[in-house]
Amino acid sequence: METRIVRGIEVQVITREEWDVVSFDQKKENAKKRNRSTFGHEPCKLCGQVISDKALDTSWFVHMTVSGELFPVAVELGDHEGSQGFFPIGASCAKRIPKEFKKKY
């Protein structure tokens, strides 16, 4: 993790190099996987695997910046600070992310 200053407060962030451990080729393969019984259209932002519509209702979301850093969900970032918003992640990827960096909607 690295430290960033946001609105005068030091904040720990997860850098893209830390969470982006899945290769580009593996992400392409993950995007092709489908569960025929539960359809899905939304990919996991970290690994690319499609999240089923049923699982999406209870999935975790991470707050990402334009540079690919994950910020704690308690830190409010505006568009001018590089926020892309919240993205869903799958259950297996959520296990790798600390609790303060993910939330459920």
PDB file of N, CA and C in Angstrom:
ATOM      1  N   MET A   1       0.837  -1.177   0.000  1.00  0.00           N
ATOM      2  CA  MET A   1       0.000   0.000   0.000  1.00  0.00           C
ATOM      3  C   MET A   1       0.883   1.242   0.000  1.00  0.00           C
ATOM      4  N   GLU A   2       0.326   2.289  -0.546  1.00  0.00           N
ATOM      5  CA  GLU A   2       1.013   3.573  -0.571  1.00  0.00           C
ATOM      6  C   GLU A   2       0.144   4.614   0.113  1.00  0.00           C
ATOM      7  N   THR A   3       0.777   5.709   0.495  1.00  0.00           N
ATOM      8  CA  THR A   3       0.069   6.796   1.162  1.00  0.00           C
ATOM      9  C   THR A   3      -0.129   7.936   0.184  1.00  0.00           C
ATOM     10  N   ARG A   4      -1.339   8.477   0.168  1.00  0.00           N
ATOM     11  CA  ARG A   4      -1.684   9.646  -0.645  1.00  0.00           C
ATOM     12  C   ARG A   4      -2.267  10.706   0.289  1.00  0.00           C
ATOM     13  N   ILE A   5      -2.152  11.955  -0.110  1.00  0.00           N
ATOM     14  CA  ILE A   5      -2.756  13.056   0.645  1.00  0.00           C
ATOM     15  C   ILE A   5      -4.018  13.481  -0.106  1.00  0.00           C
ATOM     16  N   VAL A   6      -5.167  13.384   0.547  1.00  0.00           N
ATOM     17  CA  VAL A   6      -6.444  13.763  -0.043  1.00  0.00           C
ATOM     18  C   VAL A   6      -7.099  14.763   0.898  1.00  0.00           C
ATOM     19  N   ARG A   7      -7.287  15.962   0.391  1.00  0.00           N
ATOM     20  CA  ARG A   7      -7.891  17.042   1.189  1.00  0.00           C
ATOM     21  C   ARG A   7      -7.188  17.226   2.531  1.00  0.00           C
ATOM     22  N   GLY A   8      -5.858  17.129   2.497  1.00  0.00           N
ATOM     23  CA  GLY A   8      -5.048  17.346   3.689  1.00  0.00           C
ATOM     24  C   GLY A   8      -4.983  16.157   4.637  1.00  0.00           C
ATOM     25  N   ILE A   9      -5.522  15.023   4.249  1.00  0.00           N
ATOM     26  CA  ILE A   9      -5.523  13.830   5.105  1.00  0.00           C
ATOM     27  C   ILE A   9      -4.710  12.730   4.429  1.00  0.00           C
ATOM     28  N   GLU A  10      -3.849  12.056   5.208  1.00  0.00           N
ATOM     29  CA  GLU A  10      -3.105  10.924   4.672  1.00  0.00           C
ATOM     30  C   GLU A  10      -4.033   9.721   4.543  1.00  0.00           C
ATOM     31  N   VAL A  11      -4.004   9.096   3.371  1.00  0.00           N
ATOM     32  CA  VAL A  11      -4.878   7.961   3.091  1.00  0.00           C
ATOM     33  C   VAL A  11      -4.043   6.828   2.504  1.00  0.00           C
ATOM     34  N   GLN A  12      -4.217   5.621   3.024  1.00  0.00           N
ATOM     35  CA  GLN A  12      -3.575   4.440   2.454  1.00  0.00           C
ATOM     36  C   GLN A  12      -4.386   3.991   1.246  1.00  0.00           C
ATOM     37  N   VAL A  13      -3.721   3.701   0.122  1.00  0.00           N
ATOM     38  CA  VAL A  13      -4.391   3.227  -1.084  1.00  0.00           C
ATOM     39  C   VAL A  13      -3.731   1.932  -1.544  1.00  0.00           C
ATOM     40  N   ILE A  14      -4.497   1.138  -2.273  1.00  0.00           N
ATOM     41  CA  ILE A  14      -3.953  -0.069  -2.898  1.00  0.00           C
ATOM     42  C   ILE A  14      -3.631   0.299  -4.341  1.00  0.00           C
ATOM     43  N   THR A  15      -2.366   0.202  -4.709  1.00  0.00           N
ATOM     44  CA  THR A  15      -1.948   0.578  -6.053  1.00  0.00           C
ATOM     45  C   THR A  15      -2.372  -0.486  -7.072  1.00  0.00           C
ATOM     46  N   ARG A  16      -2.429  -0.081  -8.314  1.00  0.00           N
ATOM     47  CA  ARG A  16      -2.798  -1.009  -9.394  1.00  0.00           C
ATOM     48  C   ARG A  16      -1.844  -2.209  -9.432  1.00  0.00           C
ATOM     49  N   GLU A  17      -0.570  -1.981  -9.192  1.00  0.00           N
ATOM     50  CA  GLU A  17       0.416  -3.062  -9.211  1.00  0.00           C
ATOM     51  C   GLU A  17       0.117  -4.109  -8.143  1.00  0.00           C
ATOM     52  N   GLU A  18      -0.495  -3.699  -7.048  1.00  0.00           N
ATOM     53  CA  GLU A  18      -0.807  -4.630  -5.965  1.00  0.00           C
ATOM     54  C   GLU A  18      -2.036  -5.489  -6.259  1.00  0.00           C
ATOM     55  N   TRP A  19      -3.071  -4.901  -6.852  1.00  0.00           N
ATOM     56  CA  TRP A  19      -4.296  -5.681  -7.068  1.00  0.00           C
ATOM     57  C   TRP A  19      -4.378  -6.290  -8.453  1.00  0.00           C
ATOM     58  N   ASP A  20      -3.673  -5.741  -9.436  1.00  0.00           N
ATOM     59  CA  ASP A  20      -3.772  -6.221 -10.817  1.00  0.00           C
ATOM     60  C   ASP A  20      -2.779  -7.358 -11.050  1.00  0.00           C
ATOM     61  N   VAL A  21      -3.069  -8.513 -10.475  1.00  0.00           N
ATOM     62  CA  VAL A  21      -2.168  -9.657 -10.551  1.00  0.00           C
ATOM     63  C   VAL A  21      -2.584 -10.670 -11.617  1.00  0.00           C
ATOM     64  N   VAL A  22      -3.728 -10.475 -12.243  1.00  0.00           N
ATOM     65  CA  VAL A  22      -4.216 -11.387 -13.276  1.00  0.00           C
ATOM     66  C   VAL A  22      -3.722 -10.888 -14.629  1.00  0.00           C
ATOM     67  N   SER A  23      -3.119 -11.786 -15.409  1.00  0.00           N
ATOM     68  CA  SER A  23      -2.568 -11.397 -16.707  1.00  0.00           C
ATOM     69  C   SER A  23      -3.684 -10.998 -17.677  1.00  0.00           C
ATOM     70  N   PHE A  24      -3.313 -10.252 -18.710  1.00  0.00           N
ATOM     71  CA  PHE A  24      -4.269  -9.822 -19.723  1.00  0.00           C
ATOM     72  C   PHE A  24      -4.914 -11.031 -20.399  1.00  0.00           C
ATOM     73  N   ASP A  25      -4.110 -12.043 -20.726  1.00  0.00           N
ATOM     74  CA  ASP A  25      -4.643 -13.249 -21.371  1.00  0.00           C
ATOM     75  C   ASP A  25      -5.636 -13.968 -20.467  1.00  0.00           C
ATOM     76  N   GLN A  26      -5.322 -14.039 -19.162  1.00  0.00           N
ATOM     77  CA  GLN A  26      -6.238 -14.702 -18.227  1.00  0.00           C
ATOM     78  C   GLN A  26      -7.539 -13.914 -18.096  1.00  0.00           C
ATOM     79  N   LYS A  27      -7.458 -12.591 -18.111  1.00  0.00           N
ATOM     80  CA  LYS A  27      -8.678 -11.773 -18.047  1.00  0.00           C
ATOM     81  C   LYS A  27      -9.563 -12.022 -19.266  1.00  0.00           C
ATOM     82  N   LYS A  28      -8.948 -12.200 -20.439  1.00  0.00           N
ATOM     83  CA  LYS A  28      -9.723 -12.513 -21.642  1.00  0.00           C
ATOM     84  C   LYS A  28     -10.415 -13.869 -21.496  1.00  0.00           C
ATOM     85  N   GLU A  29      -9.717 -14.847 -20.939  1.00  0.00           N
ATOM     86  CA  GLU A  29     -10.310 -16.168 -20.716  1.00  0.00           C
ATOM     87  C   GLU A  29     -11.433 -16.085 -19.682  1.00  0.00           C
ATOM     88  N   ASN A  30     -11.211 -15.329 -18.618  1.00  0.00           N
ATOM     89  CA  ASN A  30     -12.230 -15.172 -17.575  1.00  0.00           C
ATOM     90  C   ASN A  30     -13.497 -14.534 -18.128  1.00  0.00           C
ATOM     91  N   ALA A  31     -13.342 -13.588 -19.049  1.00  0.00           N
ATOM     92  CA  ALA A  31     -14.502 -12.901 -19.625  1.00  0.00           C
ATOM     93  C   ALA A  31     -15.371 -13.848 -20.440  1.00  0.00           C
ATOM     94  N   LYS A  32     -14.790 -14.928 -20.941  1.00  0.00           N
ATOM     95  CA  LYS A  32     -15.544 -15.901 -21.743  1.00  0.00           C
ATOM     96  C   LYS A  32     -16.354 -16.870 -20.886  1.00  0.00           C
ATOM     97  N   LYS A  33     -15.967 -17.032 -19.613  1.00  0.00           N
ATOM     98  CA  LYS A  33     -16.652 -17.988 -18.737  1.00  0.00           C
ATOM     99  C   LYS A  33     -18.059 -17.510 -18.438  1.00  0.00           C
ATOM    100  N   ARG A  34     -19.004 -18.416 -18.546  1.00  0.00           N
ATOM    101  CA  ARG A  34     -20.400 -18.092 -18.259  1.00  0.00           C
ATOM    102  C   ARG A  34     -21.030 -19.266 -17.523  1.00  0.00           C
ATOM    103  N   ASN A  35     -21.874 -18.944 -16.591  1.00  0.00           N
ATOM    104  CA  ASN A  35     -22.682 -19.952 -15.931  1.00  0.00           C
ATOM    105  C   ASN A  35     -24.025 -19.939 -16.643  1.00  0.00           C
ATOM    106  N   ARG A  36     -24.360 -21.035 -17.287  1.00  0.00           N
ATOM    107  CA  ARG A  36     -25.572 -21.065 -18.100  1.00  0.00           C
ATOM    108  C   ARG A  36     -26.856 -20.911 -17.297  1.00  0.00           C
ATOM    109  N   SER A  37     -26.822 -21.271 -16.029  1.00  0.00           N
ATOM    110  CA  SER A  37     -28.055 -21.182 -15.244  1.00  0.00           C
ATOM    111  C   SER A  37     -28.323 -19.779 -14.700  1.00  0.00           C
ATOM    112  N   THR A  38     -27.286 -19.000 -14.527  1.00  0.00           N
ATOM    113  CA  THR A  38     -27.464 -17.613 -14.054  1.00  0.00           C
ATOM    114  C   THR A  38     -26.711 -16.694 -14.994  1.00  0.00           C
ATOM    115  N   PHE A  39     -27.429 -15.900 -15.721  1.00  0.00           N
ATOM    116  CA  PHE A  39     -26.821 -15.002 -16.694  1.00  0.00           C
ATOM    117  C   PHE A  39     -26.133 -13.846 -15.989  1.00  0.00           C
ATOM    118  N   GLY A  40     -25.204 -13.254 -16.658  1.00  0.00           N
ATOM    119  CA  GLY A  40     -24.515 -12.097 -16.106  1.00  0.00           C
ATOM    120  C   GLY A  40     -23.958 -11.246 -17.214  1.00  0.00           C
ATOM    121  N   HIS A  41     -23.828  -9.957 -16.941  1.00  0.00           N
ATOM    122  CA  HIS A  41     -23.317  -9.031 -17.940  1.00  0.00           C
ATOM    123  C   HIS A  41     -22.196  -8.166 -17.385  1.00  0.00           C
ATOM    124  N   GLU A  42     -22.066  -8.110 -16.075  1.00  0.00           N
ATOM    125  CA  GLU A  42     -21.111  -7.216 -15.426  1.00  0.00           C
ATOM    126  C   GLU A  42     -19.841  -7.997 -15.055  1.00  0.00           C
ATOM    127  N   PRO A  43     -18.666  -7.592 -15.569  1.00  0.00           N
ATOM    128  CA  PRO A  43     -17.432  -8.294 -15.212  1.00  0.00           C
ATOM    129  C   PRO A  43     -16.849  -7.798 -13.893  1.00  0.00           C
ATOM    130  N   CYS A  44     -16.112  -8.672 -13.235  1.00  0.00           N
ATOM    131  CA  CYS A  44     -15.347  -8.281 -12.050  1.00  0.00           C
ATOM    132  C   CYS A  44     -14.270  -7.305 -12.519  1.00  0.00           C
ATOM    133  N   LYS A  45     -14.154  -6.183 -11.863  1.00  0.00           N
ATOM    134  CA  LYS A  45     -13.192  -5.155 -12.278  1.00  0.00           C
ATOM    135  C   LYS A  45     -11.750  -5.622 -12.089  1.00  0.00           C
ATOM    136  N   LEU A  46     -11.523  -6.587 -11.197  1.00  0.00           N
ATOM    137  CA  LEU A  46     -10.161  -7.014 -10.924  1.00  0.00           C
ATOM    138  C   LEU A  46      -9.693  -8.166 -11.803  1.00  0.00           C
ATOM    139  N   CYS A  47     -10.567  -9.150 -12.063  1.00  0.00           N
ATOM    140  CA  CYS A  47     -10.120 -10.328 -12.824  1.00  0.00           C
ATOM    141  C   CYS A  47     -10.820 -10.497 -14.160  1.00  0.00           C
ATOM    142  N   GLY A  48     -11.913  -9.785 -14.409  1.00  0.00           N
ATOM    143  CA  GLY A  48     -12.603  -9.857 -15.682  1.00  0.00           C
ATOM    144  C   GLY A  48     -13.670 -10.923 -15.789  1.00  0.00           C
ATOM    145  N   GLN A  49     -13.781 -11.805 -14.790  1.00  0.00           N
ATOM    146  CA  GLN A  49     -14.789 -12.858 -14.864  1.00  0.00           C
ATOM    147  C   GLN A  49     -16.183 -12.264 -14.689  1.00  0.00           C
ATOM    148  N   VAL A  50     -17.131 -12.744 -15.478  1.00  0.00           N
ATOM    149  CA  VAL A  50     -18.493 -12.222 -15.435  1.00  0.00           C
ATOM    150  C   VAL A  50     -19.154 -12.607 -14.114  1.00  0.00           C
ATOM    151  N   ILE A  51     -19.786 -11.631 -13.486  1.00  0.00           N
ATOM    152  CA  ILE A  51     -20.521 -11.858 -12.242  1.00  0.00           C
ATOM    153  C   ILE A  51     -21.966 -12.137 -12.628  1.00  0.00           C
ATOM    154  N   SER A  52     -22.527 -13.212 -12.104  1.00  0.00           N
ATOM    155  CA  SER A  52     -23.911 -13.542 -12.454  1.00  0.00           C
ATOM    156  C   SER A  52     -24.851 -12.465 -11.931  1.00  0.00           C
ATOM    157  N   ASP A  53     -25.984 -12.323 -12.592  1.00  0.00           N
ATOM    158  CA  ASP A  53     -26.973 -11.333 -12.159  1.00  0.00           C
ATOM    159  C   ASP A  53     -27.409 -11.587 -10.726  1.00  0.00           C
ATOM    160  N   LYS A  54     -27.537 -12.863 -10.356  1.00  0.00           N
ATOM    161  CA  LYS A  54     -27.945 -13.217  -8.997  1.00  0.00           C
ATOM    162  C   LYS A  54     -26.878 -12.797  -7.983  1.00  0.00           C
ATOM    163  N   ALA A  55     -25.618 -13.048  -8.299  1.00  0.00           N
ATOM    164  CA  ALA A  55     -24.523 -12.700  -7.389  1.00  0.00           C
ATOM    165  C   ALA A  55     -24.265 -11.198  -7.341  1.00  0.00           C
ATOM    166  N   LEU A  56     -24.591 -10.488  -8.416  1.00  0.00           N
ATOM    167  CA  LEU A  56     -24.344  -9.046  -8.467  1.00  0.00           C
ATOM    168  C   LEU A  56     -25.115  -8.302  -7.382  1.00  0.00           C
ATOM    169  N   ASP A  57     -26.294  -8.806  -7.025  1.00  0.00           N
ATOM    170  CA  ASP A  57     -27.104  -8.171  -5.983  1.00  0.00           C
ATOM    171  C   ASP A  57     -26.408  -8.151  -4.631  1.00  0.00           C
ATOM    172  N   THR A  58     -25.512  -9.107  -4.385  1.00  0.00           N
ATOM    173  CA  THR A  58     -24.845  -9.195  -3.083  1.00  0.00           C
ATOM    174  C   THR A  58     -23.333  -9.030  -3.196  1.00  0.00           C
ATOM    175  N   SER A  59     -22.844  -8.579  -4.345  1.00  0.00           N
ATOM    176  CA  SER A  59     -21.391  -8.492  -4.532  1.00  0.00           C
ATOM    177  C   SER A  59     -20.809  -7.254  -3.851  1.00  0.00           C
ATOM    178  N   TRP A  60     -19.503  -7.277  -3.714  1.00  0.00           N
ATOM    179  CA  TRP A  60     -18.758  -6.158  -3.153  1.00  0.00           C
ATOM    180  C   TRP A  60     -18.413  -5.176  -4.266  1.00  0.00           C
ATOM    181  N   PHE A  61     -18.211  -3.910  -3.879  1.00  0.00           N
ATOM    182  CA  PHE A  61     -17.810  -2.866  -4.816  1.00  0.00           C
ATOM    183  C   PHE A  61     -16.563  -2.175  -4.272  1.00  0.00           C
ATOM    184  N   VAL A  62     -15.669  -1.775  -5.186  1.00  0.00           N
ATOM    185  CA  VAL A  62     -14.458  -1.041  -4.809  1.00  0.00           C
ATOM    186  C   VAL A  62     -14.492   0.337  -5.460  1.00  0.00           C
ATOM    187  N   HIS A  63     -13.843   1.306  -4.810  1.00  0.00           N
ATOM    188  CA  HIS A  63     -13.764   2.676  -5.304  1.00  0.00           C
ATOM    189  C   HIS A  63     -12.420   2.847  -6.004  1.00  0.00           C
ATOM    190  N   MET A  64     -12.463   3.127  -7.294  1.00  0.00           N
ATOM    191  CA  MET A  64     -11.251   3.180  -8.101  1.00  0.00           C
ATOM    192  C   MET A  64     -11.030   4.575  -8.683  1.00  0.00           C
ATOM    193  N   THR A  65      -9.752   4.943  -8.785  1.00  0.00           N
ATOM    194  CA  THR A  65      -9.383   6.213  -9.408  1.00  0.00           C
ATOM    195  C   THR A  65      -9.023   5.979 -10.873  1.00  0.00           C
ATOM    196  N   VAL A  66      -8.830   7.047 -11.619  1.00  0.00           N
ATOM    197  CA  VAL A  66      -8.471   6.930 -13.035  1.00  0.00           C
ATOM    198  C   VAL A  66      -7.102   6.280 -13.219  1.00  0.00           C
ATOM    199  N   SER A  67      -6.255   6.336 -12.211  1.00  0.00           N
ATOM    200  CA  SER A  67      -4.937   5.692 -12.307  1.00  0.00           C
ATOM    201  C   SER A  67      -4.980   4.239 -11.839  1.00  0.00           C
ATOM    202  N   GLY A  68      -6.161   3.762 -11.464  1.00  0.00           N
ATOM    203  CA  GLY A  68      -6.310   2.358 -11.081  1.00  0.00           C
ATOM    204  C   GLY A  68      -6.057   2.062  -9.620  1.00  0.00           C
ATOM    205  N   GLU A  69      -5.929   3.076  -8.794  1.00  0.00           N
ATOM    206  CA  GLU A  69      -5.742   2.854  -7.363  1.00  0.00           C
ATOM    207  C   GLU A  69      -7.082   2.606  -6.692  1.00  0.00           C
ATOM    208  N   LEU A  70      -7.074   1.754  -5.683  1.00  0.00           N
ATOM    209  CA  LEU A  70      -8.273   1.516  -4.886  1.00  0.00           C
ATOM    210  C   LEU A  70      -8.186   2.356  -3.623  1.00  0.00           C
ATOM    211  N   PHE A  71      -9.217   3.156  -3.387  1.00  0.00           N
ATOM    212  CA  PHE A  71      -9.273   4.017  -2.204  1.00  0.00           C
ATOM    213  C   PHE A  71     -10.218   3.416  -1.179  1.00  0.00           C
ATOM    214  N   PRO A  72      -9.988   3.684   0.112  1.00  0.00           N
ATOM    215  CA  PRO A  72     -10.949   3.231   1.120  1.00  0.00           C
ATOM    216  C   PRO A  72     -12.320   3.829   0.819  1.00  0.00           C
ATOM    217  N   VAL A  73     -13.368   3.068   1.060  1.00  0.00           N
ATOM    218  CA  VAL A  73     -14.717   3.525   0.717  1.00  0.00           C
ATOM    219  C   VAL A  73     -15.155   4.714   1.561  1.00  0.00           C
ATOM    220  N   ALA A  74     -14.549   4.928   2.713  1.00  0.00           N
ATOM    221  CA  ALA A  74     -14.923   6.053   3.573  1.00  0.00           C
ATOM    222  C   ALA A  74     -14.383   7.388   3.057  1.00  0.00           C
ATOM    223  N   VAL A  75     -13.414   7.347   2.150  1.00  0.00           N
ATOM    224  CA  VAL A  75     -12.821   8.567   1.606  1.00  0.00           C
ATOM    225  C   VAL A  75     -13.649   9.024   0.411  1.00  0.00           C
ATOM    226  N   GLU A  76     -14.118  10.256   0.474  1.00  0.00           N
ATOM    227  CA  GLU A  76     -14.909  10.797  -0.630  1.00  0.00           C
ATOM    228  C   GLU A  76     -13.985  11.494  -1.620  1.00  0.00           C
ATOM    229  N   LEU A  77     -14.075  11.043  -2.867  1.00  0.00           N
ATOM    230  CA  LEU A  77     -13.303  11.660  -3.941  1.00  0.00           C
ATOM    231  C   LEU A  77     -14.271  12.232  -4.958  1.00  0.00           C
ATOM    232  N   GLY A  78     -13.958  13.376  -5.475  1.00  0.00           N
ATOM    233  CA  GLY A  78     -14.775  13.958  -6.539  1.00  0.00           C
ATOM    234  C   GLY A  78     -14.174  13.638  -7.896  1.00  0.00           C
ATOM    235  N   ASP A  79     -14.885  13.989  -8.938  1.00  0.00           N
ATOM    236  CA  ASP A  79     -14.382  13.764 -10.292  1.00  0.00           C
ATOM    237  C   ASP A  79     -13.066  14.494 -10.526  1.00  0.00           C
ATOM    238  N   HIS A  80     -12.929  15.677  -9.935  1.00  0.00           N
ATOM    239  CA  HIS A  80     -11.710  16.450 -10.121  1.00  0.00           C
ATOM    240  C   HIS A  80     -10.512  15.821  -9.419  1.00  0.00           C
ATOM    241  N   GLU A  81     -10.754  14.860  -8.523  1.00  0.00           N
ATOM    242  CA  GLU A  81      -9.674  14.174  -7.823  1.00  0.00           C
ATOM    243  C   GLU A  81      -9.374  12.810  -8.452  1.00  0.00           C
ATOM    244  N   GLY A  82      -9.991  12.527  -9.577  1.00  0.00           N
ATOM    245  CA  GLY A  82      -9.676  11.317 -10.304  1.00  0.00           C
ATOM    246  C   GLY A  82     -10.544  10.124 -10.002  1.00  0.00           C
ATOM    247  N   SER A  83     -11.711  10.312  -9.406  1.00  0.00           N
ATOM    248  CA  SER A  83     -12.589   9.188  -9.092  1.00  0.00           C
ATOM    249  C   SER A  83     -13.267   8.664 -10.353  1.00  0.00           C
ATOM    250  N   GLN A  84     -13.258   7.335 -10.504  1.00  0.00           N
ATOM    251  CA  GLN A  84     -14.027   6.694 -11.567  1.00  0.00           C
ATOM    252  C   GLN A  84     -15.357   6.190 -11.033  1.00  0.00           C
ATOM    253  N   GLY A  85     -15.456   6.107  -9.720  1.00  0.00           N
ATOM    254  CA  GLY A  85     -16.666   5.584  -9.101  1.00  0.00           C
ATOM    255  C   GLY A  85     -16.439   4.181  -8.552  1.00  0.00           C
ATOM    256  N   PHE A  86     -17.556   3.498  -8.303  1.00  0.00           N
ATOM    257  CA  PHE A  86     -17.505   2.170  -7.699  1.00  0.00           C
ATOM    258  C   PHE A  86     -17.734   1.096  -8.758  1.00  0.00           C
ATOM    259  N   PHE A  87     -16.992  -0.013  -8.633  1.00  0.00           N
ATOM    260  CA  PHE A  87     -17.076  -1.114  -9.573  1.00  0.00           C
ATOM    261  C   PHE A  87     -17.257  -2.424  -8.809  1.00  0.00           C
ATOM    262  N   PRO A  88     -18.027  -3.362  -9.377  1.00  0.00           N
ATOM    263  CA  PRO A  88     -18.238  -4.646  -8.710  1.00  0.00           C
ATOM    264  C   PRO A  88     -17.018  -5.549  -8.837  1.00  0.00           C
ATOM    265  N   ILE A  89     -16.827  -6.372  -7.811  1.00  0.00           N
ATOM    266  CA  ILE A  89     -15.790  -7.399  -7.856  1.00  0.00           C
ATOM    267  C   ILE A  89     -16.422  -8.721  -7.443  1.00  0.00           C
ATOM    268  N   GLY A  90     -15.878  -9.804  -7.948  1.00  0.00           N
ATOM    269  CA  GLY A  90     -16.384 -11.128  -7.642  1.00  0.00           C
ATOM    270  C   GLY A  90     -16.003 -11.587  -6.245  1.00  0.00           C
ATOM    271  N   ALA A  91     -16.618 -12.660  -5.805  1.00  0.00           N
ATOM    272  CA  ALA A  91     -16.407 -13.167  -4.448  1.00  0.00           C
ATOM    273  C   ALA A  91     -14.961 -13.571  -4.194  1.00  0.00           C
ATOM    274  N   SER A  92     -14.317 -14.225  -5.161  1.00  0.00           N
ATOM    275  CA  SER A  92     -12.933 -14.660  -4.937  1.00  0.00           C
ATOM    276  C   SER A  92     -11.982 -13.460  -4.881  1.00  0.00           C
ATOM    277  N   CYS A  93     -12.216 -12.451  -5.681  1.00  0.00           N
ATOM    278  CA  CYS A  93     -11.375 -11.252  -5.627  1.00  0.00           C
ATOM    279  C   CYS A  93     -11.633 -10.458  -4.344  1.00  0.00           C
ATOM    280  N   ALA A  94     -12.868 -10.455  -3.880  1.00  0.00           N
ATOM    281  CA  ALA A  94     -13.208  -9.712  -2.652  1.00  0.00           C
ATOM    282  C   ALA A  94     -12.442 -10.248  -1.445  1.00  0.00           C
ATOM    283  N   LYS A  95     -12.086 -11.517  -1.473  1.00  0.00           N
ATOM    284  CA  LYS A  95     -11.328 -12.109  -0.361  1.00  0.00           C
ATOM    285  C   LYS A  95      -9.934 -11.504  -0.250  1.00  0.00           C
ATOM    286  N   ARG A  96      -9.391 -10.997  -1.359  1.00  0.00           N
ATOM    287  CA  ARG A  96      -8.042 -10.430  -1.374  1.00  0.00           C
ATOM    288  C   ARG A  96      -8.003  -8.954  -0.981  1.00  0.00           C
ATOM    289  N   ILE A  97      -9.164  -8.311  -0.933  1.00  0.00           N
ATOM    290  CA  ILE A  97      -9.236  -6.869  -0.681  1.00  0.00           C
ATOM    291  C   ILE A  97      -9.632  -6.618   0.774  1.00  0.00           C
ATOM    292  N   PRO A  98      -8.867  -5.790   1.504  1.00  0.00           N
ATOM    293  CA  PRO A  98      -9.221  -5.480   2.895  1.00  0.00           C
ATOM    294  C   PRO A  98     -10.613  -4.844   3.000  1.00  0.00           C
ATOM    295  N   LYS A  99     -11.251  -5.058   4.119  1.00  0.00           N
ATOM    296  CA  LYS A  99     -12.647  -4.632   4.320  1.00  0.00           C
ATOM    297  C   LYS A  99     -12.851  -3.131   4.128  1.00  0.00           C
ATOM    298  N   GLU A 100     -11.893  -2.305   4.523  1.00  0.00           N
ATOM    299  CA  GLU A 100     -12.077  -0.854   4.402  1.00  0.00           C
ATOM    300  C   GLU A 100     -12.022  -0.376   2.953  1.00  0.00           C
ATOM    301  N   PHE A 101     -11.665  -1.260   2.017  1.00  0.00           N
ATOM    302  CA  PHE A 101     -11.583  -0.894   0.611  1.00  0.00           C
ATOM    303  C   PHE A 101     -12.746  -1.439  -0.219  1.00  0.00           C
ATOM    304  N   LYS A 102     -13.748  -2.018   0.423  1.00  0.00           N
ATOM    305  CA  LYS A 102     -14.895  -2.579  -0.302  1.00  0.00           C
ATOM    306  C   LYS A 102     -16.176  -2.339   0.490  1.00  0.00           C
ATOM    307  N   LYS A 103     -17.282  -2.303  -0.242  1.00  0.00           N
ATOM    308  CA  LYS A 103     -18.577  -2.166   0.414  1.00  0.00           C
ATOM    309  C   LYS A 103     -19.649  -2.806  -0.436  1.00  0.00           C
ATOM    310  N   LYS A 104     -20.775  -3.080   0.192  1.00  0.00           N
ATOM    311  CA  LYS A 104     -21.923  -3.638  -0.514  1.00  0.00           C
ATOM    312  C   LYS A 104     -22.971  -2.552  -0.664  1.00  0.00           C
ATOM    313  N   TYR A 105     -23.698  -2.599  -1.775  1.00  0.00           N
ATOM    314  CA  TYR A 105     -24.777  -1.631  -2.005  1.00  0.00           C
ATOM    315  C   TYR A 105     -26.098  -2.250  -1.654  1.00  0.00           C
TER     316      TYR A 105
END
